[in-house]
Amino acid sequence: MVENKNTKPPLSKDLLISDAVSLYPEVVPIFMEYGLHCVGCFISDSETILEGSLAHGMSEAEVDNMILDAKEAIEAKNK
């Protein structure tokens, strides 16, 4: 992943799980709470948040809610 030193890509369901965890470690408990337990799995390097979530039986609506909760955690940390 190429990243500008001053900006991070926004959290989205299209971000690789490993990138999300690396860039925003505060999302780990939220992902775990929703059932996305592959935050440290070798698959996380090649699977997006959406792909991993669907593989774990989540609906797209649940993924959207998880992303919203994760964004709130990121925002709270940055205050």
C-alpha atoms as a PDB file:
ATOM      1  CA  MET A   1       0.000   0.000   0.000  1.00  0.00           C
ATOM      2  CA  VAL A   2       1.330   3.418  -0.942  1.00  0.00           C
ATOM      3  CA  GLU A   3       0.547   6.068   1.596  1.00  0.00           C
ATOM      4  CA  ASN A   4       1.256   9.772   1.814  1.00  0.00           C
ATOM      5  CA  LYS A   5       3.108  10.385   5.074  1.00  0.00           C
ATOM      6  CA  ASN A   6       0.551  12.999   6.117  1.00  0.00           C
ATOM      7  CA  THR A   7      -2.682  11.216   5.287  1.00  0.00           C
ATOM      8  CA  LYS A   8      -4.230   7.857   5.899  1.00  0.00           C
ATOM      9  CA  PRO A   9      -6.796   6.308   3.628  1.00  0.00           C
ATOM     10  CA  PRO A  10     -10.233   6.554   5.194  1.00  0.00           C
ATOM     11  CA  LEU A  11     -11.662   3.465   6.808  1.00  0.00           C
ATOM     12  CA  SER A  12     -13.982   1.735   4.373  1.00  0.00           C
ATOM     13  CA  LYS A  13     -15.224  -1.765   3.739  1.00  0.00           C
ATOM     14  CA  ASP A  14     -12.908  -1.901   0.704  1.00  0.00           C
ATOM     15  CA  LEU A  15      -9.766  -1.495   2.835  1.00  0.00           C
ATOM     16  CA  LEU A  16      -7.714  -4.630   3.485  1.00  0.00           C
ATOM     17  CA  ILE A  17      -8.275  -5.939   7.004  1.00  0.00           C
ATOM     18  CA  SER A  18      -4.542  -5.835   7.761  1.00  0.00           C
ATOM     19  CA  ASP A  19      -4.312  -2.210   6.597  1.00  0.00           C
ATOM     20  CA  ALA A  20      -7.310  -1.202   8.704  1.00  0.00           C
ATOM     21  CA  VAL A  21      -5.797  -2.825  11.803  1.00  0.00           C
ATOM     22  CA  SER A  22      -2.365  -1.353  11.146  1.00  0.00           C
ATOM     23  CA  LEU A  23      -3.637   2.167  10.460  1.00  0.00           C
ATOM     24  CA  TYR A  24      -6.440   2.199  13.016  1.00  0.00           C
ATOM     25  CA  PRO A  25      -5.708  -0.273  15.861  1.00  0.00           C
ATOM     26  CA  GLU A  26      -8.670   1.083  17.802  1.00  0.00           C
ATOM     27  CA  VAL A  27     -10.988  -0.787  15.392  1.00  0.00           C
ATOM     28  CA  VAL A  28      -9.817  -4.228  16.562  1.00  0.00           C
ATOM     29  CA  PRO A  29     -12.252  -4.547  19.517  1.00  0.00           C
ATOM     30  CA  ILE A  30     -15.124  -3.411  17.304  1.00  0.00           C
ATOM     31  CA  PHE A  31     -14.281  -5.913  14.568  1.00  0.00           C
ATOM     32  CA  MET A  32     -14.004  -8.655  17.195  1.00  0.00           C
ATOM     33  CA  GLU A  33     -17.355  -7.681  18.741  1.00  0.00           C
ATOM     34  CA  TYR A  34     -19.031  -8.001  15.346  1.00  0.00           C
ATOM     35  CA  GLY A  35     -17.442 -11.416  14.749  1.00  0.00           C
ATOM     36  CA  LEU A  36     -14.626 -10.401  12.400  1.00  0.00           C
ATOM     37  CA  HIS A  37     -11.959 -12.348  14.279  1.00  0.00           C
ATOM     38  CA  CYS A  38      -9.446 -12.517  11.433  1.00  0.00           C
ATOM     39  CA  VAL A  39      -7.679  -9.295  12.431  1.00  0.00           C
ATOM     40  CA  GLY A  40      -4.387 -11.186  12.833  1.00  0.00           C
ATOM     41  CA  CYS A  41      -5.012 -13.988  10.356  1.00  0.00           C
ATOM     42  CA  PHE A  42      -2.781 -14.474   7.309  1.00  0.00           C
ATOM     43  CA  ILE A  43      -5.836 -13.932   5.096  1.00  0.00           C
ATOM     44  CA  SER A  44      -6.162 -10.366   6.410  1.00  0.00           C
ATOM     45  CA  ASP A  45      -3.343  -9.320   4.050  1.00  0.00           C
ATOM     46  CA  SER A  46      -5.411 -10.183   1.000  1.00  0.00           C
ATOM     47  CA  GLU A  47      -9.022  -9.811   2.107  1.00  0.00           C
ATOM     48  CA  THR A  48     -11.014  -6.603   2.403  1.00  0.00           C
ATOM     49  CA  ILE A  49     -13.176  -5.856   5.409  1.00  0.00           C
ATOM     50  CA  LEU A  50     -16.238  -6.593   3.288  1.00  0.00           C
ATOM     51  CA  GLU A  51     -14.888  -9.900   1.970  1.00  0.00           C
ATOM     52  CA  GLY A  52     -13.851 -11.089   5.426  1.00  0.00           C
ATOM     53  CA  SER A  53     -17.118 -10.026   6.989  1.00  0.00           C
ATOM     54  CA  LEU A  54     -19.244 -11.759   4.373  1.00  0.00           C
ATOM     55  CA  ALA A  55     -17.104 -14.898   4.770  1.00  0.00           C
ATOM     56  CA  HIS A  56     -17.937 -14.810   8.483  1.00  0.00           C
ATOM     57  CA  GLY A  57     -21.669 -14.674   7.762  1.00  0.00           C
ATOM     58  CA  MET A  58     -22.304 -10.981   8.247  1.00  0.00           C
ATOM     59  CA  SER A  59     -24.808  -9.132   6.084  1.00  0.00           C
ATOM     60  CA  GLU A  60     -23.808  -5.999   4.195  1.00  0.00           C
ATOM     61  CA  ALA A  61     -25.982  -3.991   6.602  1.00  0.00           C
ATOM     62  CA  GLU A  62     -24.000  -5.404   9.548  1.00  0.00           C
ATOM     63  CA  VAL A  63     -20.757  -4.502   7.775  1.00  0.00           C
ATOM     64  CA  ASP A  64     -22.015  -0.952   7.261  1.00  0.00           C
ATOM     65  CA  ASN A  65     -22.917  -0.700  10.969  1.00  0.00           C
ATOM     66  CA  MET A  66     -19.515  -2.096  11.970  1.00  0.00           C
ATOM     67  CA  ILE A  67     -17.762   0.487   9.781  1.00  0.00           C
ATOM     68  CA  LEU A  68     -19.840   3.289  11.329  1.00  0.00           C
ATOM     69  CA  ASP A  69     -18.977   2.096  14.851  1.00  0.00           C
ATOM     70  CA  ALA A  70     -15.307   1.799  13.898  1.00  0.00           C
ATOM     71  CA  LYS A  71     -15.290   5.322  12.457  1.00  0.00           C
ATOM     72  CA  GLU A  72     -16.772   6.607  15.721  1.00  0.00           C
ATOM     73  CA  ALA A  73     -13.948   4.911  17.637  1.00  0.00           C
ATOM     74  CA  ILE A  74     -11.366   6.483  15.330  1.00  0.00           C
ATOM     75  CA  GLU A  75     -12.984   9.889  15.737  1.00  0.00           C
ATOM     76  CA  ALA A  76     -13.084   9.538  19.537  1.00  0.00           C
ATOM     77  CA  LYS A  77      -9.398   8.610  19.614  1.00  0.00           C
ATOM     78  CA  ASN A  78      -8.469  11.633  17.517  1.00  0.00           C
ATOM     79  CA  LYS A  79     -10.233  14.127  19.806  1.00  0.00           C
END
